[in-house]
Amino acid sequence: MNILVVDDDILVTNSLKIILEAEEDFFVPFVGKDGEEAVRLYEATCPDVLLMDIRMKNMDGLDATRKILETHQDANILLLTTFLDDEYIVKALRYGAKGYILKQDYANIVPAIRAVYAGQTVFGNEITSKLPKLLKKESPSFLYEEKGISGQEYTIIEFISQGLNNKEISEKLFLSEGTIRNYISVILEKLKLRDRTQIAVFYYRHR
């Protein structure tokens, strides 16, 4: 099994390489130091599993996960971090990471890699216990943030979905109708939609 290890701490990277290659069927032919290298090395080597840190310079592990999975939907990405951060966990789930475990759980790294390679989803015990609460409070706002929708644009989307026309929206927001039209054009471009009706459908579909 070929494993790509990416971490901005060279001591961690080297330690993980030694630990993993102690397994007879594990090979770590390449390592990286940030998300940009993770994307580049994944494209070049197509590893069986990508074991990657989250907090890194240039591009973090979450953005690298999203970018890789946009073109490689079957990528087995296991995130390894010291941070039990709610936002990180939710993003890891949304982006499609196959696992999220803490570096402190070093004894579980090898079993987690094997599980991910076998098609399972792996989250450490501390993370699993948080999931019900996180998923319950998760809102569609994450989707809009991911697409670059600002707070003002989201408000306009809500008004469109309520059936308000440009004049009515402009009166509520104290903006000109021309400005509202410009906002709507930007919203359509960001969401890759054609018209106001599709904006309303998108809104209600993702509530």
N, C-alpha and C. Protein backbone atom coordinates (compact mmCIF):
# COMPACT_ATOMS: atom_id res chain seq x y z
N MET A 1 0.85 -1.19 0.00
CA MET A 1 0.00 0.00 0.00
C MET A 1 0.89 1.25 0.00
N ASN A 2 0.71 2.12 -0.96
CA ASN A 2 1.48 3.37 -1.02
C ASN A 2 0.75 4.47 -0.26
N ILE A 3 1.48 5.11 0.64
CA ILE A 3 0.89 6.14 1.50
C ILE A 3 1.65 7.44 1.31
N LEU A 4 0.93 8.51 1.07
CA LEU A 4 1.52 9.84 0.98
C LEU A 4 1.31 10.53 2.32
N VAL A 5 2.39 10.98 2.94
CA VAL A 5 2.31 11.67 4.24
C VAL A 5 2.62 13.14 4.04
N VAL A 6 1.73 14.01 4.54
CA VAL A 6 1.93 15.46 4.40
C VAL A 6 1.76 16.13 5.76
N ASP A 7 2.81 16.79 6.22
CA ASP A 7 2.78 17.50 7.51
C ASP A 7 3.84 18.58 7.46
N ASP A 8 3.58 19.75 8.04
CA ASP A 8 4.55 20.83 7.98
C ASP A 8 5.67 20.69 9.00
N ASP A 9 5.58 19.69 9.87
CA ASP A 9 6.63 19.42 10.85
C ASP A 9 7.45 18.24 10.35
N ILE A 10 8.70 18.50 9.95
CA ILE A 10 9.52 17.45 9.36
C ILE A 10 9.79 16.30 10.33
N LEU A 11 9.83 16.60 11.63
CA LEU A 11 10.03 15.54 12.62
C LEU A 11 8.84 14.60 12.64
N VAL A 12 7.64 15.19 12.55
CA VAL A 12 6.42 14.37 12.51
C VAL A 12 6.39 13.53 11.24
N THR A 13 6.73 14.16 10.12
CA THR A 13 6.73 13.45 8.84
C THR A 13 7.69 12.26 8.87
N ASN A 14 8.90 12.49 9.35
CA ASN A 14 9.89 11.42 9.41
C ASN A 14 9.48 10.32 10.38
N SER A 15 8.89 10.72 11.51
CA SER A 15 8.44 9.73 12.48
C SER A 15 7.33 8.86 11.92
N LEU A 16 6.38 9.50 11.23
CA LEU A 16 5.28 8.75 10.63
C LEU A 16 5.80 7.79 9.55
N LYS A 17 6.76 8.25 8.78
CA LYS A 17 7.34 7.39 7.74
C LYS A 17 7.97 6.14 8.36
N ILE A 18 8.70 6.31 9.45
CA ILE A 18 9.34 5.18 10.13
C ILE A 18 8.29 4.22 10.69
N ILE A 19 7.27 4.79 11.36
CA ILE A 19 6.22 3.97 11.96
C ILE A 19 5.47 3.17 10.89
N LEU A 20 5.13 3.84 9.81
CA LEU A 20 4.32 3.19 8.78
C LEU A 20 5.12 2.14 8.02
N GLU A 21 6.38 2.43 7.72
CA GLU A 21 7.16 1.48 6.94
C GLU A 21 7.65 0.30 7.77
N ALA A 22 7.34 0.33 9.08
CA ALA A 22 7.58 -0.85 9.91
C ALA A 22 6.58 -1.95 9.58
N GLU A 23 5.46 -1.55 8.94
CA GLU A 23 4.46 -2.52 8.47
C GLU A 23 4.94 -3.10 7.15
N GLU A 24 4.84 -4.42 6.99
CA GLU A 24 5.38 -5.09 5.81
C GLU A 24 4.78 -4.59 4.50
N ASP A 25 3.51 -4.21 4.54
CA ASP A 25 2.83 -3.84 3.29
C ASP A 25 2.63 -2.34 3.14
N PHE A 26 3.28 -1.53 3.98
CA PHE A 26 3.17 -0.08 3.90
C PHE A 26 4.43 0.51 3.28
N PHE A 27 4.24 1.42 2.33
CA PHE A 27 5.36 2.12 1.70
C PHE A 27 5.05 3.61 1.66
N VAL A 28 6.03 4.43 2.00
CA VAL A 28 5.87 5.89 1.98
C VAL A 28 6.92 6.45 1.01
N PRO A 29 6.64 6.40 -0.28
CA PRO A 29 7.64 6.83 -1.27
C PRO A 29 7.83 8.34 -1.34
N PHE A 30 6.80 9.10 -0.91
CA PHE A 30 6.89 10.56 -0.98
C PHE A 30 6.27 11.18 0.27
N VAL A 31 6.78 12.34 0.65
CA VAL A 31 6.21 13.13 1.74
C VAL A 31 6.11 14.57 1.29
N GLY A 32 5.20 15.33 1.91
CA GLY A 32 5.02 16.74 1.58
C GLY A 32 4.94 17.58 2.84
N LYS A 33 5.03 18.90 2.66
CA LYS A 33 5.05 19.79 3.82
C LYS A 33 3.86 20.74 3.90
N ASP A 34 3.00 20.79 2.87
CA ASP A 34 1.83 21.67 2.94
C ASP A 34 0.76 21.19 1.96
N GLY A 35 -0.39 21.87 1.96
CA GLY A 35 -1.50 21.45 1.13
C GLY A 35 -1.20 21.52 -0.36
N GLU A 36 -0.43 22.53 -0.76
CA GLU A 36 -0.08 22.66 -2.17
C GLU A 36 0.72 21.45 -2.65
N GLU A 37 1.67 21.01 -1.82
CA GLU A 37 2.45 19.82 -2.18
C GLU A 37 1.58 18.58 -2.15
N ALA A 38 0.61 18.54 -1.24
CA ALA A 38 -0.30 17.39 -1.17
C ALA A 38 -1.06 17.23 -2.48
N VAL A 39 -1.57 18.35 -3.01
CA VAL A 39 -2.32 18.32 -4.26
C VAL A 39 -1.40 17.89 -5.41
N ARG A 40 -0.23 18.49 -5.47
CA ARG A 40 0.71 18.19 -6.56
C ARG A 40 1.17 16.73 -6.50
N LEU A 41 1.54 16.26 -5.30
CA LEU A 41 2.03 14.89 -5.17
C LEU A 41 0.91 13.87 -5.37
N TYR A 42 -0.30 14.23 -4.97
CA TYR A 42 -1.41 13.30 -5.20
C TYR A 42 -1.62 13.11 -6.70
N GLU A 43 -1.61 14.21 -7.44
CA GLU A 43 -1.79 14.14 -8.89
C GLU A 43 -0.69 13.29 -9.54
N ALA A 44 0.52 13.43 -9.02
CA ALA A 44 1.66 12.74 -9.63
C ALA A 44 1.76 11.27 -9.25
N THR A 45 1.31 10.92 -8.03
CA THR A 45 1.56 9.57 -7.54
C THR A 45 0.31 8.72 -7.30
N CYS A 46 -0.86 9.37 -7.17
CA CYS A 46 -2.12 8.65 -6.88
C CYS A 46 -1.94 7.60 -5.78
N PRO A 47 -1.62 8.02 -4.56
CA PRO A 47 -1.39 7.06 -3.47
C PRO A 47 -2.68 6.33 -3.08
N ASP A 48 -2.51 5.21 -2.40
CA ASP A 48 -3.68 4.47 -1.91
C ASP A 48 -4.35 5.22 -0.77
N VAL A 49 -3.54 5.87 0.06
CA VAL A 49 -4.06 6.66 1.18
C VAL A 49 -3.21 7.91 1.33
N LEU A 50 -3.86 9.04 1.56
CA LEU A 50 -3.18 10.29 1.88
C LEU A 50 -3.40 10.58 3.35
N LEU A 51 -2.31 10.59 4.13
CA LEU A 51 -2.35 10.91 5.55
C LEU A 51 -1.85 12.34 5.69
N MET A 52 -2.71 13.24 6.18
CA MET A 52 -2.38 14.67 6.07
C MET A 52 -2.78 15.46 7.31
N ASP A 53 -1.89 16.38 7.69
CA ASP A 53 -2.15 17.33 8.77
C ASP A 53 -3.18 18.36 8.28
N ILE A 54 -3.76 19.11 9.20
CA ILE A 54 -4.73 20.15 8.82
C ILE A 54 -4.09 21.53 8.78
N ARG A 55 -3.52 21.97 9.90
CA ARG A 55 -2.95 23.32 9.96
C ARG A 55 -1.56 23.34 9.33
N MET A 56 -1.49 23.92 8.13
CA MET A 56 -0.21 24.05 7.42
C MET A 56 -0.19 25.38 6.67
N LYS A 57 1.00 25.87 6.37
CA LYS A 57 1.13 27.13 5.63
C LYS A 57 0.77 26.93 4.16
N ASN A 58 0.58 28.04 3.47
CA ASN A 58 0.26 28.08 2.03
C ASN A 58 -1.13 27.54 1.75
N MET A 59 -1.37 26.27 1.99
CA MET A 59 -2.71 25.69 1.84
C MET A 59 -2.88 24.66 2.96
N ASP A 60 -3.97 24.76 3.72
CA ASP A 60 -4.15 23.81 4.82
C ASP A 60 -4.70 22.48 4.30
N GLY A 61 -4.76 21.50 5.20
CA GLY A 61 -5.18 20.17 4.81
C GLY A 61 -6.63 20.07 4.38
N LEU A 62 -7.47 20.94 4.91
CA LEU A 62 -8.88 20.91 4.53
C LEU A 62 -9.07 21.41 3.10
N ASP A 63 -8.42 22.52 2.76
CA ASP A 63 -8.53 23.03 1.40
C ASP A 63 -7.91 22.04 0.40
N ALA A 64 -6.82 21.40 0.80
CA ALA A 64 -6.21 20.39 -0.07
C ALA A 64 -7.15 19.21 -0.26
N THR A 65 -7.83 18.81 0.81
CA THR A 65 -8.82 17.73 0.72
C THR A 65 -9.90 18.07 -0.28
N ARG A 66 -10.45 19.27 -0.15
CA ARG A 66 -11.51 19.70 -1.07
C ARG A 66 -11.03 19.70 -2.51
N LYS A 67 -9.83 20.24 -2.72
CA LYS A 67 -9.30 20.36 -4.08
C LYS A 67 -9.04 18.98 -4.70
N ILE A 68 -8.46 18.10 -3.93
CA ILE A 68 -8.17 16.75 -4.45
C ILE A 68 -9.45 16.00 -4.78
N LEU A 69 -10.44 16.09 -3.89
CA LEU A 69 -11.69 15.34 -4.09
C LEU A 69 -12.55 15.92 -5.20
N GLU A 70 -12.27 17.14 -5.62
CA GLU A 70 -13.00 17.70 -6.77
C GLU A 70 -12.70 16.92 -8.04
N THR A 71 -11.48 16.38 -8.14
CA THR A 71 -11.08 15.65 -9.35
C THR A 71 -10.83 14.17 -9.10
N HIS A 72 -10.71 13.78 -7.83
CA HIS A 72 -10.48 12.37 -7.49
C HIS A 72 -11.48 11.97 -6.39
N GLN A 73 -12.69 11.68 -6.79
CA GLN A 73 -13.75 11.42 -5.82
C GLN A 73 -13.52 10.16 -5.00
N ASP A 74 -12.66 9.28 -5.47
CA ASP A 74 -12.39 8.04 -4.74
C ASP A 74 -11.15 8.15 -3.85
N ALA A 75 -10.61 9.35 -3.69
CA ALA A 75 -9.39 9.54 -2.88
C ALA A 75 -9.63 9.14 -1.43
N ASN A 76 -8.71 8.39 -0.87
CA ASN A 76 -8.78 7.99 0.54
C ASN A 76 -7.93 8.96 1.35
N ILE A 77 -8.57 9.96 1.93
CA ILE A 77 -7.84 10.99 2.68
C ILE A 77 -8.15 10.86 4.17
N LEU A 78 -7.09 10.68 4.95
CA LEU A 78 -7.21 10.57 6.40
C LEU A 78 -6.51 11.78 7.02
N LEU A 79 -7.27 12.60 7.73
CA LEU A 79 -6.73 13.80 8.35
C LEU A 79 -6.23 13.48 9.75
N LEU A 80 -5.02 13.94 10.03
CA LEU A 80 -4.37 13.67 11.31
C LEU A 80 -3.98 15.01 11.93
N THR A 81 -4.52 15.33 13.10
CA THR A 81 -4.30 16.66 13.66
C THR A 81 -4.27 16.62 15.19
N THR A 82 -3.79 17.69 15.78
CA THR A 82 -3.80 17.81 17.25
C THR A 82 -5.02 18.59 17.71
N PHE A 83 -5.83 19.08 16.76
CA PHE A 83 -6.92 20.00 17.09
C PHE A 83 -8.30 19.34 17.00
N LEU A 84 -9.00 19.35 18.11
CA LEU A 84 -10.37 18.84 18.16
C LEU A 84 -11.31 20.02 17.97
N ASP A 85 -11.28 20.57 16.76
CA ASP A 85 -11.99 21.81 16.45
C ASP A 85 -13.30 21.49 15.72
N ASP A 86 -14.42 22.01 16.22
CA ASP A 86 -15.73 21.72 15.63
C ASP A 86 -15.78 22.08 14.15
N GLU A 87 -15.26 23.25 13.81
CA GLU A 87 -15.30 23.71 12.41
C GLU A 87 -14.50 22.77 11.52
N TYR A 88 -13.35 22.33 12.01
CA TYR A 88 -12.52 21.40 11.22
C TYR A 88 -13.25 20.09 10.98
N ILE A 89 -13.90 19.58 12.02
CA ILE A 89 -14.59 18.29 11.90
C ILE A 89 -15.71 18.39 10.88
N VAL A 90 -16.51 19.46 10.96
CA VAL A 90 -17.62 19.63 10.03
C VAL A 90 -17.11 19.76 8.59
N LYS A 91 -16.06 20.54 8.41
CA LYS A 91 -15.52 20.71 7.06
C LYS A 91 -14.96 19.40 6.52
N ALA A 92 -14.30 18.64 7.38
CA ALA A 92 -13.77 17.34 6.96
C ALA A 92 -14.90 16.44 6.46
N LEU A 93 -16.02 16.46 7.16
CA LEU A 93 -17.18 15.67 6.74
C LEU A 93 -17.74 16.18 5.43
N ARG A 94 -17.91 17.49 5.34
CA ARG A 94 -18.52 18.09 4.15
C ARG A 94 -17.66 17.89 2.91
N TYR A 95 -16.34 18.00 3.09
CA TYR A 95 -15.44 17.89 1.94
C TYR A 95 -15.27 16.45 1.48
N GLY A 96 -15.56 15.49 2.36
CA GLY A 96 -15.48 14.09 1.96
C GLY A 96 -14.27 13.33 2.43
N ALA A 97 -13.58 13.83 3.46
CA ALA A 97 -12.45 13.08 4.03
C ALA A 97 -12.96 11.75 4.57
N LYS A 98 -12.14 10.70 4.43
CA LYS A 98 -12.54 9.38 4.89
C LYS A 98 -12.27 9.16 6.37
N GLY A 99 -11.51 10.08 6.97
CA GLY A 99 -11.22 9.91 8.38
C GLY A 99 -10.62 11.16 9.00
N TYR A 100 -10.71 11.23 10.34
CA TYR A 100 -10.20 12.38 11.09
C TYR A 100 -9.81 11.83 12.45
N ILE A 101 -8.51 11.76 12.72
CA ILE A 101 -8.06 11.24 14.01
C ILE A 101 -7.02 12.19 14.60
N LEU A 102 -6.83 12.08 15.89
CA LEU A 102 -5.90 12.95 16.60
C LEU A 102 -4.51 12.33 16.63
N LYS A 103 -3.48 13.19 16.55
CA LYS A 103 -2.11 12.70 16.58
C LYS A 103 -1.80 12.00 17.90
N GLN A 104 -2.50 12.42 18.96
CA GLN A 104 -2.27 11.79 20.26
C GLN A 104 -2.64 10.31 20.23
N ASP A 105 -3.55 9.93 19.32
CA ASP A 105 -3.96 8.53 19.22
C ASP A 105 -3.05 7.78 18.25
N TYR A 106 -1.74 7.90 18.47
CA TYR A 106 -0.77 7.33 17.52
C TYR A 106 -0.93 5.83 17.33
N ALA A 107 -1.44 5.15 18.37
CA ALA A 107 -1.60 3.69 18.27
C ALA A 107 -2.69 3.32 17.27
N ASN A 108 -3.57 4.28 16.97
CA ASN A 108 -4.68 4.00 16.05
C ASN A 108 -4.40 4.41 14.61
N ILE A 109 -3.23 4.98 14.35
CA ILE A 109 -2.94 5.47 13.00
C ILE A 109 -2.90 4.33 11.99
N VAL A 110 -2.17 3.28 12.29
CA VAL A 110 -2.07 2.16 11.35
C VAL A 110 -3.43 1.50 11.13
N PRO A 111 -4.19 1.16 12.20
CA PRO A 111 -5.53 0.58 11.98
C PRO A 111 -6.45 1.52 11.19
N ALA A 112 -6.31 2.83 11.42
CA ALA A 112 -7.16 3.79 10.71
C ALA A 112 -6.83 3.80 9.22
N ILE A 113 -5.55 3.74 8.89
CA ILE A 113 -5.15 3.71 7.48
C ILE A 113 -5.70 2.45 6.81
N ARG A 114 -5.60 1.32 7.49
CA ARG A 114 -6.11 0.07 6.92
C ARG A 114 -7.62 0.15 6.71
N ALA A 115 -8.32 0.74 7.68
CA ALA A 115 -9.78 0.86 7.58
C ALA A 115 -10.19 1.76 6.42
N VAL A 116 -9.50 2.90 6.29
CA VAL A 116 -9.80 3.83 5.20
C VAL A 116 -9.52 3.17 3.85
N TYR A 117 -8.42 2.46 3.76
CA TYR A 117 -8.07 1.77 2.52
C TYR A 117 -9.12 0.71 2.16
N ALA A 118 -9.75 0.14 3.18
CA ALA A 118 -10.78 -0.89 2.97
C ALA A 118 -12.15 -0.28 2.66
N GLY A 119 -12.22 1.06 2.62
CA GLY A 119 -13.47 1.71 2.26
C GLY A 119 -14.31 2.18 3.44
N GLN A 120 -13.76 2.09 4.63
CA GLN A 120 -14.50 2.52 5.82
C GLN A 120 -14.22 3.99 6.12
N THR A 121 -15.10 4.59 6.91
CA THR A 121 -14.90 5.95 7.39
C THR A 121 -14.49 5.88 8.84
N VAL A 122 -13.43 6.60 9.19
CA VAL A 122 -12.85 6.47 10.52
C VAL A 122 -12.77 7.83 11.22
N PHE A 123 -13.37 7.91 12.40
CA PHE A 123 -13.24 9.09 13.24
C PHE A 123 -12.89 8.62 14.65
N GLY A 124 -11.95 9.31 15.27
CA GLY A 124 -11.55 8.93 16.63
C GLY A 124 -12.70 9.02 17.61
N ASN A 125 -12.54 8.37 18.77
CA ASN A 125 -13.62 8.33 19.77
C ASN A 125 -14.04 9.73 20.22
N GLU A 126 -13.06 10.62 20.43
CA GLU A 126 -13.39 11.98 20.87
C GLU A 126 -14.23 12.70 19.83
N ILE A 127 -13.94 12.43 18.57
CA ILE A 127 -14.64 13.09 17.47
C ILE A 127 -16.03 12.49 17.27
N THR A 128 -16.11 11.16 17.32
CA THR A 128 -17.39 10.48 17.15
C THR A 128 -18.41 10.95 18.18
N SER A 129 -17.95 11.19 19.40
CA SER A 129 -18.87 11.63 20.46
C SER A 129 -19.43 13.02 20.20
N LYS A 130 -18.73 13.83 19.38
CA LYS A 130 -19.17 15.18 19.08
C LYS A 130 -20.09 15.26 17.87
N LEU A 131 -20.08 14.23 17.03
CA LEU A 131 -20.79 14.30 15.76
C LEU A 131 -22.29 14.57 15.88
N PRO A 132 -23.03 13.86 16.75
CA PRO A 132 -24.49 14.13 16.82
C PRO A 132 -24.81 15.59 17.09
N LYS A 133 -24.08 16.20 18.01
CA LYS A 133 -24.32 17.61 18.35
C LYS A 133 -23.94 18.52 17.19
N LEU A 134 -22.81 18.22 16.55
CA LEU A 134 -22.34 19.06 15.44
C LEU A 134 -23.30 19.00 14.26
N LEU A 135 -23.75 17.80 13.92
CA LEU A 135 -24.63 17.64 12.77
C LEU A 135 -26.01 18.24 13.04
N LYS A 136 -26.43 18.22 14.30
CA LYS A 136 -27.73 18.78 14.66
C LYS A 136 -27.74 20.29 14.49
N LYS A 137 -26.62 20.93 14.85
CA LYS A 137 -26.58 22.40 14.78
C LYS A 137 -26.06 22.92 13.45
N GLU A 138 -25.56 22.01 12.61
CA GLU A 138 -25.02 22.45 11.31
C GLU A 138 -26.12 23.08 10.47
N SER A 139 -25.82 24.20 9.85
CA SER A 139 -26.81 24.93 9.06
C SER A 139 -26.34 25.05 7.62
N PRO A 140 -27.26 25.46 6.70
CA PRO A 140 -26.87 25.61 5.30
C PRO A 140 -25.88 26.73 5.06
N SER A 141 -25.63 27.56 6.07
CA SER A 141 -24.74 28.70 5.87
C SER A 141 -23.36 28.24 5.40
N PHE A 142 -22.96 27.04 5.85
CA PHE A 142 -21.65 26.53 5.42
C PHE A 142 -21.58 26.42 3.91
N LEU A 143 -22.66 25.94 3.30
CA LEU A 143 -22.69 25.76 1.85
C LEU A 143 -22.49 27.10 1.15
N TYR A 144 -23.16 28.14 1.64
CA TYR A 144 -23.06 29.45 1.01
C TYR A 144 -21.67 30.06 1.22
N GLU A 145 -21.09 29.85 2.41
CA GLU A 145 -19.74 30.35 2.67
C GLU A 145 -18.75 29.69 1.72
N GLU A 146 -18.95 28.39 1.50
CA GLU A 146 -18.06 27.65 0.62
C GLU A 146 -18.11 28.21 -0.80
N LYS A 147 -19.25 28.71 -1.21
CA LYS A 147 -19.41 29.25 -2.56
C LYS A 147 -19.12 30.74 -2.63
N GLY A 148 -18.67 31.31 -1.51
CA GLY A 148 -18.27 32.72 -1.51
C GLY A 148 -19.41 33.71 -1.40
N ILE A 149 -20.58 33.25 -0.92
CA ILE A 149 -21.74 34.14 -0.77
C ILE A 149 -21.60 34.98 0.50
N SER A 150 -21.67 36.29 0.34
CA SER A 150 -21.54 37.19 1.50
C SER A 150 -22.87 37.27 2.25
N GLY A 151 -22.83 37.91 3.44
CA GLY A 151 -24.04 38.06 4.23
C GLY A 151 -25.11 38.85 3.51
N GLN A 152 -24.71 39.91 2.83
CA GLN A 152 -25.67 40.72 2.07
C GLN A 152 -26.29 39.92 0.93
N GLU A 153 -25.46 39.15 0.24
CA GLU A 153 -25.96 38.33 -0.86
C GLU A 153 -26.93 37.27 -0.36
N TYR A 154 -26.63 36.70 0.80
CA TYR A 154 -27.53 35.68 1.37
C TYR A 154 -28.88 36.30 1.72
N THR A 155 -28.85 37.53 2.24
CA THR A 155 -30.11 38.24 2.56
C THR A 155 -30.94 38.44 1.29
N ILE A 156 -30.29 38.81 0.21
CA ILE A 156 -31.00 39.00 -1.07
C ILE A 156 -31.57 37.68 -1.57
N ILE A 157 -30.81 36.60 -1.40
CA ILE A 157 -31.32 35.27 -1.77
C ILE A 157 -32.60 34.95 -0.99
N GLU A 158 -32.60 35.26 0.29
CA GLU A 158 -33.80 35.01 1.11
C GLU A 158 -34.98 35.83 0.60
N PHE A 159 -34.75 37.11 0.27
CA PHE A 159 -35.84 37.96 -0.22
C PHE A 159 -36.37 37.45 -1.56
N ILE A 160 -35.47 37.03 -2.45
CA ILE A 160 -35.90 36.47 -3.74
C ILE A 160 -36.77 35.25 -3.50
N SER A 161 -36.36 34.41 -2.55
CA SER A 161 -37.09 33.18 -2.25
C SER A 161 -38.46 33.45 -1.62
N GLN A 162 -38.60 34.64 -1.06
CA GLN A 162 -39.90 35.05 -0.50
C GLN A 162 -40.79 35.69 -1.55
N GLY A 163 -40.29 35.81 -2.79
CA GLY A 163 -41.08 36.35 -3.88
C GLY A 163 -40.98 37.84 -4.09
N LEU A 164 -40.04 38.51 -3.41
CA LEU A 164 -39.91 39.96 -3.55
C LEU A 164 -39.22 40.30 -4.88
N ASN A 165 -39.67 41.40 -5.51
CA ASN A 165 -39.02 41.84 -6.74
C ASN A 165 -37.87 42.79 -6.39
N ASN A 166 -37.16 43.24 -7.41
CA ASN A 166 -35.99 44.08 -7.17
C ASN A 166 -36.32 45.38 -6.44
N LYS A 167 -37.45 45.99 -6.79
CA LYS A 167 -37.84 47.25 -6.16
C LYS A 167 -38.11 47.03 -4.67
N GLU A 168 -38.83 45.96 -4.37
CA GLU A 168 -39.15 45.67 -2.96
C GLU A 168 -37.88 45.37 -2.16
N ILE A 169 -36.95 44.64 -2.78
CA ILE A 169 -35.69 44.32 -2.09
C ILE A 169 -34.88 45.60 -1.87
N SER A 170 -34.86 46.45 -2.88
CA SER A 170 -34.08 47.70 -2.76
C SER A 170 -34.62 48.57 -1.64
N GLU A 171 -35.94 48.60 -1.48
CA GLU A 171 -36.54 49.40 -0.41
C GLU A 171 -36.20 48.85 0.96
N LYS A 172 -36.15 47.53 1.08
CA LYS A 172 -35.84 46.91 2.37
C LYS A 172 -34.38 47.11 2.76
N LEU A 173 -33.50 47.11 1.75
CA LEU A 173 -32.06 47.22 2.03
C LEU A 173 -31.53 48.64 1.84
N PHE A 174 -32.41 49.57 1.43
CA PHE A 174 -32.02 50.96 1.21
C PHE A 174 -30.90 51.05 0.17
N LEU A 175 -31.06 50.28 -0.89
CA LEU A 175 -30.13 50.29 -2.01
C LEU A 175 -30.89 50.56 -3.30
N SER A 176 -30.20 50.99 -4.35
CA SER A 176 -30.87 51.24 -5.62
C SER A 176 -31.21 49.92 -6.31
N GLU A 177 -32.19 49.97 -7.21
CA GLU A 177 -32.55 48.76 -7.95
C GLU A 177 -31.39 48.27 -8.80
N GLY A 178 -30.58 49.20 -9.32
CA GLY A 178 -29.41 48.82 -10.11
C GLY A 178 -28.41 48.02 -9.29
N THR A 179 -28.24 48.45 -8.04
CA THR A 179 -27.32 47.73 -7.15
C THR A 179 -27.84 46.32 -6.87
N ILE A 180 -29.14 46.21 -6.68
CA ILE A 180 -29.74 44.89 -6.44
C ILE A 180 -29.55 43.99 -7.66
N ARG A 181 -29.74 44.56 -8.85
CA ARG A 181 -29.52 43.78 -10.07
C ARG A 181 -28.09 43.28 -10.16
N ASN A 182 -27.16 44.15 -9.79
CA ASN A 182 -25.75 43.76 -9.81
C ASN A 182 -25.49 42.62 -8.82
N TYR A 183 -26.07 42.73 -7.62
CA TYR A 183 -25.93 41.68 -6.61
C TYR A 183 -26.45 40.34 -7.15
N ILE A 184 -27.61 40.41 -7.80
CA ILE A 184 -28.23 39.18 -8.31
C ILE A 184 -27.36 38.55 -9.40
N SER A 185 -26.77 39.37 -10.23
CA SER A 185 -25.88 38.85 -11.27
C SER A 185 -24.70 38.11 -10.65
N VAL A 186 -24.15 38.69 -9.58
CA VAL A 186 -23.02 38.06 -8.89
C VAL A 186 -23.45 36.74 -8.24
N ILE A 187 -24.64 36.75 -7.64
CA ILE A 187 -25.16 35.54 -6.99
C ILE A 187 -25.34 34.43 -8.01
N LEU A 188 -25.92 34.76 -9.15
CA LEU A 188 -26.13 33.77 -10.21
C LEU A 188 -24.81 33.16 -10.66
N GLU A 189 -23.80 34.02 -10.78
CA GLU A 189 -22.49 33.54 -11.23
C GLU A 189 -21.85 32.62 -10.18
N LYS A 190 -21.93 33.02 -8.90
CA LYS A 190 -21.32 32.23 -7.83
C LYS A 190 -22.00 30.87 -7.66
N LEU A 191 -23.32 30.85 -7.80
CA LEU A 191 -24.06 29.60 -7.61
C LEU A 191 -24.23 28.80 -8.90
N LYS A 192 -23.72 29.37 -10.00
CA LYS A 192 -23.82 28.71 -11.31
C LYS A 192 -25.28 28.45 -11.69
N LEU A 193 -26.12 29.48 -11.52
CA LEU A 193 -27.54 29.38 -11.83
C LEU A 193 -27.90 30.35 -12.95
N ARG A 194 -29.11 30.19 -13.51
CA ARG A 194 -29.49 30.99 -14.68
C ARG A 194 -30.43 32.15 -14.35
N ASP A 195 -31.34 31.98 -13.39
CA ASP A 195 -32.34 33.01 -13.16
C ASP A 195 -32.81 33.02 -11.71
N ARG A 196 -33.71 33.94 -11.41
CA ARG A 196 -34.22 34.11 -10.05
C ARG A 196 -34.94 32.86 -9.56
N THR A 197 -35.68 32.21 -10.45
CA THR A 197 -36.42 31.01 -10.05
C THR A 197 -35.46 29.94 -9.54
N GLN A 198 -34.33 29.79 -10.24
CA GLN A 198 -33.36 28.79 -9.81
C GLN A 198 -32.73 29.16 -8.47
N ILE A 199 -32.60 30.46 -8.21
CA ILE A 199 -32.10 30.89 -6.90
C ILE A 199 -33.05 30.44 -5.80
N ALA A 200 -34.35 30.64 -6.02
CA ALA A 200 -35.35 30.24 -5.02
C ALA A 200 -35.35 28.73 -4.82
N VAL A 201 -35.25 27.98 -5.92
CA VAL A 201 -35.22 26.52 -5.82
C VAL A 201 -33.98 26.07 -5.04
N PHE A 202 -32.84 26.68 -5.35
CA PHE A 202 -31.60 26.35 -4.65
C PHE A 202 -31.73 26.62 -3.16
N TYR A 203 -32.32 27.75 -2.83
CA TYR A 203 -32.49 28.14 -1.42
C TYR A 203 -33.32 27.10 -0.66
N TYR A 204 -34.47 26.75 -1.19
CA TYR A 204 -35.34 25.84 -0.48
C TYR A 204 -34.82 24.41 -0.47
N ARG A 205 -34.05 24.05 -1.50
CA ARG A 205 -33.48 22.70 -1.57
C ARG A 205 -32.40 22.51 -0.52
N HIS A 206 -31.72 23.62 -0.16
CA HIS A 206 -30.61 23.50 0.78
C HIS A 206 -30.91 24.09 2.14
N ARG A 207 -32.14 24.24 2.46
CA ARG A 207 -32.51 24.74 3.79
C ARG A 207 -32.27 23.66 4.83
